[in-house]
C-alpha cells in the first residue's frame, strides 16, 4: 500500500509539472508583455528598454498614435520572436508608388549616390513652431534638433533612420537640387504614401509649400 501511495504521488507530481510547463509555454507564445505608459515614455525609449526593434514595437501597437502617448495607456511589448516583417505584412496601408529599382543618382554638390529604390510620395512641409509640434518642441522623434534634412514619415512605409535623397519639389526655403534627408520624425497625420519635410521659417511660410509630388531615392 505504501509503495502504491508513493508511486501514485510521484506520477501526479510528474503530471502536474508537465501540465505546468505546457501551460507556461502556451501562455508565453500566445501573449506579449504589456507596458503601462509613464511620463516621458516614447516608443523609442521603450524599444531601448525592452531591447525590441523600434519598428516591431510600432507595428505591434499599430492603433496607437506614437505622437500622442498618454500616461496609463497599455502597450503591447512583443517577444523577440515576433519579427517586424511579419507584422508589417498585416498592415493595411497605401504604398508609395515605385518608380525604379536600384541605380545611381546625382545629388547635391554633384555627388553620386547609390540607391536601392526610387519612390513617389505626396509631400507637405512643417516647421519647429510650437503650434505644430506641441510638447515635442523643435526636436524630432529621437530628441534631435529639427534641421534641413529632417523628414517625418509613416514608419510602416519608411523605417525610421532611413537615408533618402528627395527631389522634385518647388520651394524657396530648400535647396533647389534636392536634399539628403533622414527619416527621424513622425506625425499623427503622416500615414501611408505621405512625408512631411522640415523647413526653416514660420508656419505661414511652410504653408506655401502646399502638397507636392516628390521623388525619393532610398539610399544605400
N, C-alpha and C. Protein backbone atom coordinates (compact mmCIF):
# COMPACT_ATOMS: atom_id res chain seq x y z
N UNK A 1 0.83 -1.21 0.00
CA UNK A 1 0.00 0.00 0.00
C UNK A 1 0.86 1.26 0.00
N UNK A 2 1.88 1.24 0.83
CA UNK A 2 2.77 2.41 0.92
C UNK A 2 3.48 2.64 -0.40
N UNK A 3 3.95 1.53 -1.02
CA UNK A 3 4.63 1.67 -2.30
C UNK A 3 3.67 2.22 -3.35
N UNK A 4 2.40 1.78 -3.32
CA UNK A 4 1.40 2.29 -4.26
C UNK A 4 1.16 3.77 -4.06
N UNK A 5 1.11 4.20 -2.79
CA UNK A 5 0.88 5.61 -2.48
C UNK A 5 2.03 6.48 -2.99
N UNK A 6 3.27 6.00 -2.74
CA UNK A 6 4.45 6.76 -3.19
C UNK A 6 4.48 6.86 -4.71
N UNK A 7 4.19 5.74 -5.40
CA UNK A 7 4.20 5.73 -6.85
C UNK A 7 3.12 6.66 -7.41
N UNK A 8 1.93 6.62 -6.81
CA UNK A 8 0.83 7.47 -7.27
C UNK A 8 1.18 8.94 -7.09
N UNK A 9 1.79 9.26 -5.94
CA UNK A 9 2.17 10.65 -5.66
C UNK A 9 3.21 11.14 -6.66
N UNK A 10 4.16 10.26 -7.00
CA UNK A 10 5.20 10.63 -7.96
C UNK A 10 4.61 10.87 -9.34
N UNK A 11 3.66 10.00 -9.73
CA UNK A 11 3.03 10.17 -11.05
C UNK A 11 2.22 11.46 -11.11
N UNK A 12 1.49 11.77 -10.04
CA UNK A 12 0.70 13.00 -10.01
C UNK A 12 1.61 14.23 -10.08
N UNK A 13 2.74 14.15 -9.36
CA UNK A 13 3.68 15.27 -9.37
C UNK A 13 4.25 15.48 -10.77
N UNK A 14 4.60 14.37 -11.44
CA UNK A 14 5.14 14.46 -12.79
C UNK A 14 4.12 15.05 -13.75
N UNK A 15 2.86 14.61 -13.60
CA UNK A 15 1.80 15.13 -14.47
C UNK A 15 1.59 16.62 -14.24
N UNK A 16 1.64 17.02 -12.97
CA UNK A 16 1.45 18.45 -12.65
C UNK A 16 2.55 19.30 -13.25
N UNK A 17 3.79 18.80 -13.17
CA UNK A 17 4.93 19.54 -13.73
C UNK A 17 4.79 19.65 -15.24
N UNK A 18 4.41 18.54 -15.88
CA UNK A 18 4.25 18.55 -17.34
C UNK A 18 3.16 19.52 -17.76
N UNK A 19 2.03 19.52 -17.01
CA UNK A 19 0.93 20.42 -17.32
C UNK A 19 1.35 21.87 -17.13
N UNK A 20 2.11 22.12 -16.06
CA UNK A 20 2.58 23.48 -15.79
C UNK A 20 3.47 23.99 -16.90
N UNK A 21 4.37 23.11 -17.38
CA UNK A 21 5.28 23.50 -18.46
C UNK A 21 4.50 23.80 -19.73
N UNK A 22 3.49 22.94 -20.02
CA UNK A 22 2.69 23.12 -21.22
C UNK A 22 1.93 24.44 -21.18
N UNK A 23 1.30 24.72 -20.02
CA UNK A 23 0.53 25.95 -19.88
C UNK A 23 1.44 27.17 -19.99
N UNK A 24 2.60 27.10 -19.31
CA UNK A 24 3.53 28.23 -19.34
C UNK A 24 4.00 28.50 -20.75
N UNK A 25 4.34 27.43 -21.46
CA UNK A 25 4.83 27.60 -22.83
C UNK A 25 3.75 28.19 -23.71
N UNK A 26 2.50 27.74 -23.53
CA UNK A 26 1.40 28.26 -24.32
C UNK A 26 1.15 29.72 -24.04
N UNK A 27 1.22 30.10 -22.77
CA UNK A 27 0.99 31.49 -22.40
C UNK A 27 2.06 32.40 -22.97
N UNK A 28 3.32 31.96 -22.87
CA UNK A 28 4.42 32.78 -23.38
C UNK A 28 4.30 32.98 -24.87
N UNK A 29 3.81 31.97 -25.57
CA UNK A 29 3.70 32.08 -27.02
C UNK A 29 2.49 32.91 -27.43
N UNK A 30 1.40 32.80 -26.65
CA UNK A 30 0.14 33.40 -27.08
C UNK A 30 0.05 34.88 -26.77
N UNK A 31 0.71 35.35 -25.71
CA UNK A 31 0.51 36.73 -25.32
C UNK A 31 1.84 37.44 -25.13
N UNK A 32 1.86 38.71 -25.48
CA UNK A 32 3.05 39.52 -25.28
C UNK A 32 2.96 40.19 -23.92
N UNK A 33 4.08 40.73 -23.44
CA UNK A 33 4.05 41.51 -22.22
C UNK A 33 3.38 42.84 -22.51
N UNK A 34 2.94 43.50 -21.46
CA UNK A 34 2.35 44.83 -21.63
C UNK A 34 3.13 45.83 -20.80
N UNK A 35 3.07 47.07 -21.23
CA UNK A 35 3.73 48.16 -20.51
C UNK A 35 2.72 49.27 -20.30
N UNK A 36 2.67 49.79 -19.09
CA UNK A 36 1.81 50.93 -18.79
C UNK A 36 2.60 52.21 -18.99
N UNK A 37 2.14 53.05 -19.88
CA UNK A 37 2.87 54.26 -20.23
C UNK A 37 3.02 55.18 -19.02
N UNK A 38 4.25 55.63 -18.80
CA UNK A 38 4.55 56.58 -17.74
C UNK A 38 4.96 57.92 -18.36
N UNK A 39 5.12 58.91 -17.53
CA UNK A 39 5.51 60.23 -18.01
C UNK A 39 6.85 60.17 -18.75
N UNK A 40 6.94 60.82 -19.89
CA UNK A 40 8.14 60.92 -20.73
C UNK A 40 8.45 59.64 -21.51
N UNK A 41 7.59 58.63 -21.45
CA UNK A 41 7.80 57.44 -22.27
C UNK A 41 7.60 57.77 -23.74
N UNK A 42 8.41 57.20 -24.60
CA UNK A 42 8.21 57.24 -26.05
C UNK A 42 8.45 55.83 -26.58
N UNK A 43 8.02 55.59 -27.80
CA UNK A 43 8.27 54.28 -28.39
C UNK A 43 9.78 54.03 -28.48
N UNK A 44 10.54 55.08 -28.72
CA UNK A 44 11.99 54.93 -28.84
C UNK A 44 12.60 54.50 -27.51
N UNK A 45 12.25 55.18 -26.41
CA UNK A 45 12.83 54.82 -25.11
C UNK A 45 12.38 53.42 -24.69
N UNK A 46 11.15 53.05 -25.02
CA UNK A 46 10.66 51.71 -24.67
C UNK A 46 11.36 50.64 -25.49
N UNK A 47 11.63 50.94 -26.76
CA UNK A 47 12.33 49.96 -27.59
C UNK A 47 13.73 49.70 -27.05
N UNK A 48 14.36 50.75 -26.53
CA UNK A 48 15.69 50.59 -25.95
C UNK A 48 15.62 49.83 -24.63
N UNK A 49 14.60 50.13 -23.83
CA UNK A 49 14.46 49.49 -22.52
C UNK A 49 14.18 47.99 -22.64
N UNK A 50 13.27 47.64 -23.56
CA UNK A 50 12.88 46.23 -23.71
C UNK A 50 13.71 45.49 -24.75
N UNK A 51 14.64 46.22 -25.39
CA UNK A 51 15.52 45.62 -26.41
C UNK A 51 14.70 44.97 -27.54
N UNK A 52 13.71 45.72 -27.99
CA UNK A 52 12.86 45.31 -29.10
C UNK A 52 13.05 46.33 -30.22
N UNK A 53 13.22 45.90 -31.47
CA UNK A 53 13.37 46.87 -32.55
C UNK A 53 12.21 47.87 -32.57
N UNK A 54 12.53 49.13 -32.79
CA UNK A 54 11.50 50.17 -32.77
C UNK A 54 10.37 49.86 -33.74
N UNK A 55 10.72 49.41 -34.95
CA UNK A 55 9.70 49.12 -35.95
C UNK A 55 8.76 48.01 -35.48
N UNK A 56 9.31 46.98 -34.83
CA UNK A 56 8.49 45.88 -34.32
C UNK A 56 7.52 46.38 -33.25
N UNK A 57 8.02 47.26 -32.38
CA UNK A 57 7.18 47.81 -31.32
C UNK A 57 6.06 48.67 -31.90
N UNK A 58 6.38 49.48 -32.89
CA UNK A 58 5.36 50.32 -33.53
C UNK A 58 4.29 49.46 -34.20
N UNK A 59 4.73 48.42 -34.90
CA UNK A 59 3.78 47.57 -35.61
C UNK A 59 2.89 46.79 -34.66
N UNK A 60 3.43 46.43 -33.50
CA UNK A 60 2.64 45.68 -32.51
C UNK A 60 1.58 46.56 -31.86
N UNK A 61 1.72 47.88 -32.00
CA UNK A 61 0.76 48.83 -31.43
C UNK A 61 0.27 49.77 -32.53
N UNK A 62 -0.13 49.18 -33.64
CA UNK A 62 -0.47 49.95 -34.84
C UNK A 62 -1.61 50.93 -34.63
N UNK A 63 -2.50 50.65 -33.68
CA UNK A 63 -3.65 51.53 -33.46
C UNK A 63 -3.32 52.73 -32.57
N UNK A 64 -2.09 52.78 -32.06
CA UNK A 64 -1.69 53.85 -31.14
C UNK A 64 -0.95 54.93 -31.90
N UNK A 65 -1.35 56.18 -31.70
CA UNK A 65 -0.64 57.31 -32.30
C UNK A 65 0.67 57.51 -31.54
N UNK A 66 1.82 57.28 -32.17
CA UNK A 66 3.10 57.39 -31.44
C UNK A 66 3.41 58.79 -30.96
N UNK A 67 2.73 59.78 -31.53
CA UNK A 67 2.97 61.15 -31.10
C UNK A 67 2.02 61.58 -29.99
N UNK A 68 1.17 60.67 -29.54
CA UNK A 68 0.17 61.04 -28.54
C UNK A 68 0.02 59.95 -27.48
N UNK A 69 1.15 59.50 -26.93
CA UNK A 69 1.10 58.53 -25.84
C UNK A 69 0.55 59.20 -24.59
N UNK A 70 -0.38 58.52 -23.93
CA UNK A 70 -1.00 59.05 -22.72
C UNK A 70 -0.60 58.21 -21.52
N UNK A 71 -0.31 58.88 -20.40
CA UNK A 71 0.05 58.17 -19.17
C UNK A 71 -1.08 57.21 -18.79
N UNK A 72 -0.71 55.97 -18.49
CA UNK A 72 -1.70 54.96 -18.13
C UNK A 72 -2.11 54.07 -19.27
N UNK A 73 -1.75 54.46 -20.49
CA UNK A 73 -2.10 53.66 -21.67
C UNK A 73 -1.33 52.33 -21.64
N UNK A 74 -1.97 51.25 -22.11
CA UNK A 74 -1.34 49.94 -22.16
C UNK A 74 -0.76 49.70 -23.55
N UNK A 75 0.50 49.29 -23.61
CA UNK A 75 1.15 48.97 -24.87
C UNK A 75 1.60 47.52 -24.87
N UNK A 76 1.50 46.87 -26.02
CA UNK A 76 1.99 45.51 -26.17
C UNK A 76 3.50 45.54 -26.41
N UNK A 77 4.22 44.73 -25.67
CA UNK A 77 5.66 44.58 -25.87
C UNK A 77 5.89 43.20 -26.48
N UNK A 78 6.11 43.14 -27.78
CA UNK A 78 6.23 41.83 -28.44
C UNK A 78 7.48 41.08 -28.03
N UNK A 79 7.39 39.75 -28.10
CA UNK A 79 8.56 38.93 -27.82
C UNK A 79 9.55 39.04 -28.96
N UNK A 80 10.78 38.66 -28.70
CA UNK A 80 11.83 38.80 -29.71
C UNK A 80 11.56 37.95 -30.95
N UNK A 81 10.73 36.88 -30.78
CA UNK A 81 10.48 36.01 -31.92
C UNK A 81 9.53 36.63 -32.92
N UNK A 82 8.84 37.72 -32.52
CA UNK A 82 7.91 38.37 -33.43
C UNK A 82 8.69 39.34 -34.31
N UNK A 83 8.78 39.05 -35.56
CA UNK A 83 9.57 39.88 -36.47
C UNK A 83 8.75 41.05 -36.99
N UNK A 84 9.45 42.13 -37.27
CA UNK A 84 8.80 43.30 -37.83
C UNK A 84 8.19 43.00 -39.19
N UNK A 85 8.86 42.16 -39.97
CA UNK A 85 8.38 41.89 -41.31
C UNK A 85 7.03 41.19 -41.31
N UNK A 86 6.84 40.23 -40.41
CA UNK A 86 5.58 39.50 -40.38
C UNK A 86 4.44 40.39 -39.93
N UNK A 87 4.74 41.33 -39.04
CA UNK A 87 3.70 42.24 -38.57
C UNK A 87 3.36 43.28 -39.63
N UNK A 88 4.38 43.74 -40.36
CA UNK A 88 4.12 44.73 -41.40
C UNK A 88 3.25 44.16 -42.50
N UNK A 89 3.35 42.87 -42.73
CA UNK A 89 2.55 42.25 -43.77
C UNK A 89 1.06 42.32 -43.44
N UNK A 90 0.73 42.48 -42.14
CA UNK A 90 -0.66 42.54 -41.72
C UNK A 90 -1.23 43.94 -41.84
N UNK A 91 -0.36 44.94 -41.99
CA UNK A 91 -0.83 46.33 -42.02
C UNK A 91 -1.53 46.62 -43.34
N UNK A 92 -2.59 47.41 -43.25
CA UNK A 92 -3.35 47.77 -44.45
C UNK A 92 -3.12 49.24 -44.73
N UNK A 93 -2.06 49.55 -45.47
CA UNK A 93 -1.73 50.94 -45.79
C UNK A 93 -1.47 51.07 -47.27
N UNK A 94 -1.68 52.28 -47.79
CA UNK A 94 -1.40 52.52 -49.20
C UNK A 94 0.09 52.68 -49.39
N UNK A 95 0.63 52.02 -50.39
CA UNK A 95 2.07 52.01 -50.60
C UNK A 95 2.51 53.20 -51.44
N UNK A 96 3.78 53.56 -51.27
CA UNK A 96 4.36 54.57 -52.13
C UNK A 96 4.45 54.02 -53.54
N UNK A 97 4.44 54.92 -54.51
CA UNK A 97 4.48 54.49 -55.91
C UNK A 97 5.92 54.19 -56.32
N UNK A 98 6.24 52.93 -56.64
CA UNK A 98 7.62 52.61 -57.06
C UNK A 98 7.91 53.14 -58.45
N UNK A 99 9.08 53.73 -58.63
CA UNK A 99 9.47 54.27 -59.93
C UNK A 99 10.62 53.49 -60.55
N UNK A 100 11.56 53.06 -59.72
CA UNK A 100 12.71 52.32 -60.25
C UNK A 100 13.35 51.52 -59.14
N UNK A 101 14.06 50.47 -59.52
CA UNK A 101 14.77 49.62 -58.57
C UNK A 101 16.27 49.76 -58.77
N UNK A 102 16.95 50.31 -57.78
CA UNK A 102 18.40 50.36 -57.80
C UNK A 102 19.00 51.25 -58.87
N UNK A 103 20.20 51.72 -58.60
CA UNK A 103 20.89 52.55 -59.57
C UNK A 103 21.70 53.62 -58.87
N UNK A 104 22.03 54.68 -59.61
CA UNK A 104 22.78 55.80 -59.07
C UNK A 104 22.09 57.10 -59.47
N UNK A 105 22.17 58.09 -58.59
CA UNK A 105 21.56 59.38 -58.86
C UNK A 105 22.53 60.47 -58.42
N UNK A 106 22.53 61.57 -59.16
CA UNK A 106 23.40 62.70 -58.81
C UNK A 106 22.66 63.59 -57.83
N UNK A 107 23.26 63.78 -56.66
CA UNK A 107 22.63 64.57 -55.61
C UNK A 107 23.30 65.92 -55.43
N UNK A 108 23.06 66.57 -54.29
CA UNK A 108 23.65 67.88 -54.00
C UNK A 108 25.17 67.86 -54.13
N UNK A 109 25.70 68.94 -54.68
CA UNK A 109 27.15 69.04 -54.84
C UNK A 109 27.70 68.21 -55.97
N UNK A 110 26.80 67.60 -56.76
CA UNK A 110 27.24 66.78 -57.87
C UNK A 110 27.72 65.40 -57.48
N UNK A 111 27.52 65.03 -56.20
CA UNK A 111 27.96 63.72 -55.74
C UNK A 111 27.04 62.63 -56.28
N UNK A 112 27.63 61.47 -56.49
CA UNK A 112 26.89 60.31 -57.00
C UNK A 112 26.46 59.44 -55.82
N UNK A 113 25.16 59.15 -55.74
CA UNK A 113 24.63 58.35 -54.65
C UNK A 113 24.01 57.06 -55.19
N UNK A 114 24.34 55.94 -54.54
CA UNK A 114 23.73 54.66 -54.90
C UNK A 114 22.42 54.52 -54.13
N UNK A 115 21.39 54.06 -54.82
CA UNK A 115 20.11 53.89 -54.16
C UNK A 115 19.54 52.51 -54.45
N UNK A 116 18.66 52.07 -53.56
CA UNK A 116 18.04 50.75 -53.71
C UNK A 116 16.68 50.83 -54.38
N UNK A 117 16.01 51.98 -54.22
CA UNK A 117 14.66 52.11 -54.78
C UNK A 117 14.31 53.58 -54.95
N UNK A 118 13.56 53.87 -56.00
CA UNK A 118 13.07 55.22 -56.25
C UNK A 118 11.55 55.19 -56.11
N UNK A 119 11.01 56.10 -55.27
CA UNK A 119 9.59 56.10 -54.96
C UNK A 119 9.00 57.49 -55.17
N UNK A 120 7.69 57.54 -55.32
CA UNK A 120 6.97 58.81 -55.43
C UNK A 120 6.09 58.99 -54.20
N UNK A 121 6.18 60.18 -53.58
CA UNK A 121 5.39 60.47 -52.38
C UNK A 121 4.66 61.80 -52.54
N UNK A 122 3.59 61.96 -51.76
CA UNK A 122 2.97 63.26 -51.58
C UNK A 122 3.66 63.91 -50.39
N UNK A 123 4.11 65.15 -50.56
CA UNK A 123 4.88 65.81 -49.50
C UNK A 123 4.22 67.10 -49.05
N UNK A 124 4.32 67.35 -47.75
CA UNK A 124 3.94 68.62 -47.16
C UNK A 124 5.15 69.13 -46.38
N UNK A 125 5.03 70.30 -45.77
CA UNK A 125 6.15 70.87 -45.02
C UNK A 125 5.70 71.27 -43.62
N UNK A 126 6.64 71.23 -42.68
CA UNK A 126 6.34 71.67 -41.32
C UNK A 126 7.54 72.40 -40.75
N UNK A 127 7.33 73.10 -39.63
CA UNK A 127 8.38 73.90 -39.01
C UNK A 127 8.56 73.49 -37.55
N UNK A 128 9.41 74.23 -36.84
CA UNK A 128 9.65 73.95 -35.42
C UNK A 128 8.68 74.70 -34.52
N UNK A 129 7.67 75.32 -35.09
CA UNK A 129 6.72 76.10 -34.29
C UNK A 129 6.00 75.22 -33.27
N UNK A 130 5.79 75.77 -32.07
CA UNK A 130 5.12 75.02 -31.01
C UNK A 130 3.71 74.60 -31.42
N UNK A 131 3.06 75.42 -32.24
CA UNK A 131 1.70 75.10 -32.67
C UNK A 131 1.65 73.84 -33.52
N UNK A 132 2.78 73.46 -34.12
CA UNK A 132 2.84 72.27 -34.96
C UNK A 132 3.39 71.06 -34.22
N UNK A 133 4.22 71.30 -33.20
CA UNK A 133 4.91 70.20 -32.54
C UNK A 133 4.47 69.96 -31.10
N UNK A 134 3.67 70.87 -30.55
CA UNK A 134 3.17 70.68 -29.20
C UNK A 134 4.28 70.49 -28.19
N UNK A 135 4.12 69.47 -27.33
CA UNK A 135 5.08 69.24 -26.25
C UNK A 135 6.46 68.83 -26.76
N UNK A 136 6.53 68.43 -28.04
CA UNK A 136 7.81 67.97 -28.58
C UNK A 136 8.76 69.12 -28.88
N UNK A 137 8.21 70.33 -29.07
CA UNK A 137 9.07 71.47 -29.36
C UNK A 137 9.79 71.29 -30.68
N UNK A 138 10.96 71.88 -30.79
CA UNK A 138 11.70 71.86 -32.05
C UNK A 138 12.64 70.69 -32.19
N UNK A 139 12.19 69.49 -31.82
CA UNK A 139 13.03 68.30 -31.93
C UNK A 139 12.28 67.20 -32.66
N UNK A 140 13.05 66.24 -33.21
CA UNK A 140 12.42 65.12 -33.89
C UNK A 140 12.05 64.03 -32.88
N UNK A 141 11.64 62.87 -33.38
CA UNK A 141 11.17 61.80 -32.50
C UNK A 141 12.26 61.30 -31.57
N UNK A 142 13.51 61.42 -31.98
CA UNK A 142 14.63 60.93 -31.17
C UNK A 142 15.20 62.01 -30.26
N UNK A 143 14.61 63.21 -30.31
CA UNK A 143 15.09 64.30 -29.47
C UNK A 143 16.15 65.15 -30.12
N UNK A 144 16.44 64.92 -31.40
CA UNK A 144 17.42 65.73 -32.11
C UNK A 144 16.78 67.02 -32.63
N UNK A 145 17.57 68.08 -32.67
CA UNK A 145 17.05 69.36 -33.14
C UNK A 145 16.60 69.25 -34.60
N UNK A 146 15.43 69.83 -34.90
CA UNK A 146 14.93 69.84 -36.27
C UNK A 146 15.86 70.67 -37.14
N UNK A 147 16.15 70.17 -38.33
CA UNK A 147 17.04 70.88 -39.24
C UNK A 147 16.69 70.49 -40.67
N UNK A 148 17.22 71.24 -41.62
CA UNK A 148 17.01 70.89 -43.02
C UNK A 148 17.57 69.48 -43.24
N UNK A 149 16.74 68.61 -43.77
CA UNK A 149 17.12 67.21 -43.92
C UNK A 149 16.34 66.29 -43.00
N UNK A 150 15.57 66.88 -42.07
CA UNK A 150 14.69 66.09 -41.22
C UNK A 150 13.35 65.89 -41.94
N UNK A 151 12.88 64.66 -41.98
CA UNK A 151 11.55 64.42 -42.54
C UNK A 151 10.76 63.51 -41.60
N UNK A 152 9.45 63.72 -41.60
CA UNK A 152 8.54 62.86 -40.84
C UNK A 152 7.92 61.86 -41.81
N UNK A 153 7.82 60.62 -41.37
CA UNK A 153 7.34 59.55 -42.24
C UNK A 153 6.36 58.66 -41.48
N UNK A 154 5.69 57.82 -42.23
CA UNK A 154 4.94 56.71 -41.65
C UNK A 154 5.95 55.56 -41.56
N UNK A 155 6.35 55.15 -40.34
CA UNK A 155 7.40 54.12 -40.23
C UNK A 155 7.00 52.77 -40.80
N UNK A 156 5.72 52.59 -41.09
CA UNK A 156 5.31 51.35 -41.76
C UNK A 156 5.71 51.37 -43.24
N UNK A 157 5.91 52.59 -43.76
CA UNK A 157 6.30 52.75 -45.15
C UNK A 157 7.81 52.94 -45.29
N UNK A 158 8.37 53.80 -44.44
CA UNK A 158 9.80 54.08 -44.45
C UNK A 158 10.32 53.89 -43.03
N UNK A 159 11.14 52.90 -42.77
CA UNK A 159 11.66 52.69 -41.41
C UNK A 159 12.41 53.92 -40.91
N UNK A 160 12.24 54.23 -39.64
CA UNK A 160 12.97 55.35 -39.05
C UNK A 160 14.47 55.10 -39.17
N UNK A 161 15.19 56.16 -39.46
CA UNK A 161 16.64 56.05 -39.65
C UNK A 161 17.05 55.92 -41.10
N UNK A 162 16.08 55.73 -42.00
CA UNK A 162 16.39 55.59 -43.42
C UNK A 162 16.93 56.89 -44.00
N UNK A 163 17.96 56.78 -44.83
CA UNK A 163 18.53 57.93 -45.54
C UNK A 163 17.90 58.01 -46.93
N UNK A 164 17.53 59.22 -47.34
CA UNK A 164 16.88 59.41 -48.63
C UNK A 164 17.44 60.65 -49.34
N UNK A 165 17.35 60.64 -50.65
CA UNK A 165 17.57 61.84 -51.44
C UNK A 165 16.20 62.23 -51.99
N UNK A 166 15.75 63.43 -51.64
CA UNK A 166 14.41 63.88 -52.04
C UNK A 166 14.55 65.05 -53.00
N UNK A 167 13.85 64.96 -54.12
CA UNK A 167 13.92 66.00 -55.14
C UNK A 167 12.56 66.12 -55.83
N UNK A 168 12.44 67.16 -56.66
CA UNK A 168 11.21 67.32 -57.42
C UNK A 168 10.25 68.35 -56.84
N UNK A 169 10.59 68.94 -55.68
CA UNK A 169 9.72 69.94 -55.06
C UNK A 169 10.08 71.34 -55.59
N UNK A 170 9.18 72.28 -55.33
CA UNK A 170 9.40 73.69 -55.65
C UNK A 170 9.19 74.49 -54.37
N UNK A 171 10.29 74.98 -53.77
CA UNK A 171 10.17 75.75 -52.53
C UNK A 171 11.45 76.53 -52.32
N UNK A 172 11.32 77.84 -52.11
CA UNK A 172 12.49 78.71 -51.98
C UNK A 172 13.32 78.43 -50.74
N UNK A 173 12.71 77.86 -49.70
CA UNK A 173 13.43 77.66 -48.45
C UNK A 173 14.27 76.40 -48.40
N UNK A 174 14.32 75.64 -49.51
CA UNK A 174 15.10 74.41 -49.56
C UNK A 174 16.01 74.42 -50.79
N UNK A 175 17.12 73.68 -50.76
CA UNK A 175 17.99 73.62 -51.94
C UNK A 175 17.22 73.14 -53.16
N UNK A 176 17.42 73.81 -54.28
CA UNK A 176 16.64 73.51 -55.47
C UNK A 176 16.97 72.14 -56.06
N UNK A 177 18.19 71.66 -55.82
CA UNK A 177 18.59 70.38 -56.42
C UNK A 177 18.05 69.18 -55.63
N UNK A 178 17.57 69.44 -54.42
CA UNK A 178 17.09 68.35 -53.58
C UNK A 178 17.86 68.31 -52.26
N UNK A 179 17.43 67.46 -51.36
CA UNK A 179 18.08 67.36 -50.05
C UNK A 179 18.37 65.90 -49.72
N UNK A 180 19.47 65.71 -48.98
CA UNK A 180 19.74 64.41 -48.38
C UNK A 180 19.05 64.43 -47.02
N UNK A 181 18.11 63.53 -46.82
CA UNK A 181 17.26 63.57 -45.64
C UNK A 181 17.36 62.29 -44.83
N UNK A 182 16.95 62.40 -43.57
CA UNK A 182 16.87 61.24 -42.68
C UNK A 182 15.45 61.14 -42.14
N UNK A 183 14.88 59.95 -42.22
CA UNK A 183 13.54 59.72 -41.66
C UNK A 183 13.68 59.58 -40.15
N UNK A 184 13.52 60.70 -39.44
CA UNK A 184 13.74 60.68 -37.99
C UNK A 184 12.58 61.27 -37.21
N UNK A 185 11.46 61.48 -37.88
CA UNK A 185 10.32 62.08 -37.19
C UNK A 185 9.03 61.41 -37.66
N UNK A 186 7.97 61.59 -36.88
CA UNK A 186 6.66 61.04 -37.22
C UNK A 186 5.61 62.09 -36.91
N UNK A 187 4.41 61.87 -37.41
CA UNK A 187 3.31 62.78 -37.14
C UNK A 187 2.00 62.03 -37.20
N UNK A 188 1.03 62.46 -36.41
CA UNK A 188 -0.24 61.76 -36.36
C UNK A 188 -0.95 61.69 -37.70
N UNK A 189 -0.74 62.69 -38.56
CA UNK A 189 -1.42 62.71 -39.86
C UNK A 189 -0.54 62.19 -40.99
N UNK A 190 0.67 61.79 -40.67
CA UNK A 190 1.58 61.29 -41.71
C UNK A 190 1.39 59.78 -41.83
N UNK A 191 0.54 59.39 -42.76
CA UNK A 191 0.20 57.99 -42.94
C UNK A 191 0.36 57.59 -44.40
N UNK A 192 0.76 56.34 -44.59
CA UNK A 192 0.83 55.79 -45.94
C UNK A 192 1.78 56.55 -46.84
N UNK A 193 1.29 56.89 -48.02
CA UNK A 193 2.10 57.49 -49.07
C UNK A 193 2.25 59.01 -48.88
N UNK A 194 2.79 59.41 -47.74
CA UNK A 194 2.96 60.83 -47.46
C UNK A 194 4.18 61.05 -46.57
N UNK A 195 4.91 62.12 -46.83
CA UNK A 195 6.02 62.53 -45.97
C UNK A 195 5.85 64.00 -45.64
N UNK A 196 6.46 64.43 -44.55
CA UNK A 196 6.42 65.82 -44.11
C UNK A 196 7.87 66.30 -44.02
N UNK A 197 8.21 67.35 -44.75
CA UNK A 197 9.58 67.83 -44.84
C UNK A 197 9.76 69.04 -43.94
N UNK A 198 10.75 68.99 -43.04
CA UNK A 198 11.01 70.16 -42.20
C UNK A 198 11.60 71.28 -43.04
N UNK A 199 11.07 72.50 -42.81
CA UNK A 199 11.61 73.69 -43.47
C UNK A 199 11.83 74.77 -42.41
N UNK A 200 12.90 75.54 -42.51
CA UNK A 200 13.11 76.63 -41.56
C UNK A 200 12.12 77.76 -41.85
N UNK A 201 11.83 78.55 -40.82
CA UNK A 201 10.92 79.67 -41.02
C UNK A 201 9.62 79.49 -40.25
N UNK A 202 8.64 80.28 -40.64
CA UNK A 202 7.37 80.30 -39.93
C UNK A 202 6.37 79.32 -40.53
N UNK A 203 5.31 79.08 -39.78
CA UNK A 203 4.24 78.21 -40.26
C UNK A 203 3.62 78.78 -41.53
N UNK A 204 3.47 80.11 -41.57
CA UNK A 204 2.89 80.76 -42.74
C UNK A 204 3.74 80.51 -43.99
N UNK A 205 5.06 80.53 -43.81
CA UNK A 205 5.94 80.26 -44.94
C UNK A 205 5.83 78.80 -45.39
N UNK A 206 5.77 77.90 -44.41
CA UNK A 206 5.69 76.47 -44.73
C UNK A 206 4.40 76.14 -45.47
N UNK A 207 3.34 76.88 -45.18
CA UNK A 207 2.06 76.62 -45.84
C UNK A 207 2.14 76.86 -47.34
N UNK A 208 3.10 77.69 -47.76
CA UNK A 208 3.27 77.95 -49.19
C UNK A 208 3.76 76.71 -49.94
N UNK A 209 4.31 75.76 -49.19
CA UNK A 209 4.78 74.52 -49.81
C UNK A 209 3.60 73.74 -50.38
N UNK A 210 2.48 73.79 -49.65
CA UNK A 210 1.29 73.07 -50.10
C UNK A 210 1.49 71.57 -50.08
N UNK A 211 0.90 70.88 -51.04
CA UNK A 211 1.07 69.44 -51.21
C UNK A 211 1.69 69.21 -52.58
N UNK A 212 2.86 68.60 -52.59
CA UNK A 212 3.58 68.39 -53.84
C UNK A 212 3.96 66.92 -54.00
N UNK A 213 4.05 66.50 -55.24
CA UNK A 213 4.57 65.17 -55.55
C UNK A 213 6.09 65.27 -55.62
N UNK A 214 6.78 64.41 -54.88
CA UNK A 214 8.24 64.42 -54.89
C UNK A 214 8.76 63.02 -55.18
N UNK A 215 10.01 62.97 -55.59
CA UNK A 215 10.67 61.69 -55.81
C UNK A 215 11.65 61.46 -54.66
N UNK A 216 11.63 60.26 -54.13
CA UNK A 216 12.51 59.91 -53.01
C UNK A 216 13.35 58.69 -53.40
N UNK A 217 14.65 58.82 -53.26
CA UNK A 217 15.57 57.73 -53.53
C UNK A 217 16.04 57.16 -52.19
N UNK A 218 15.79 55.89 -51.96
CA UNK A 218 16.23 55.23 -50.73
C UNK A 218 17.71 54.91 -50.89
N UNK A 219 18.55 55.60 -50.11
CA UNK A 219 19.99 55.48 -50.29
C UNK A 219 20.55 54.26 -49.57
N UNK A 220 21.62 53.72 -50.14
CA UNK A 220 22.30 52.58 -49.53
C UNK A 220 23.13 53.05 -48.34
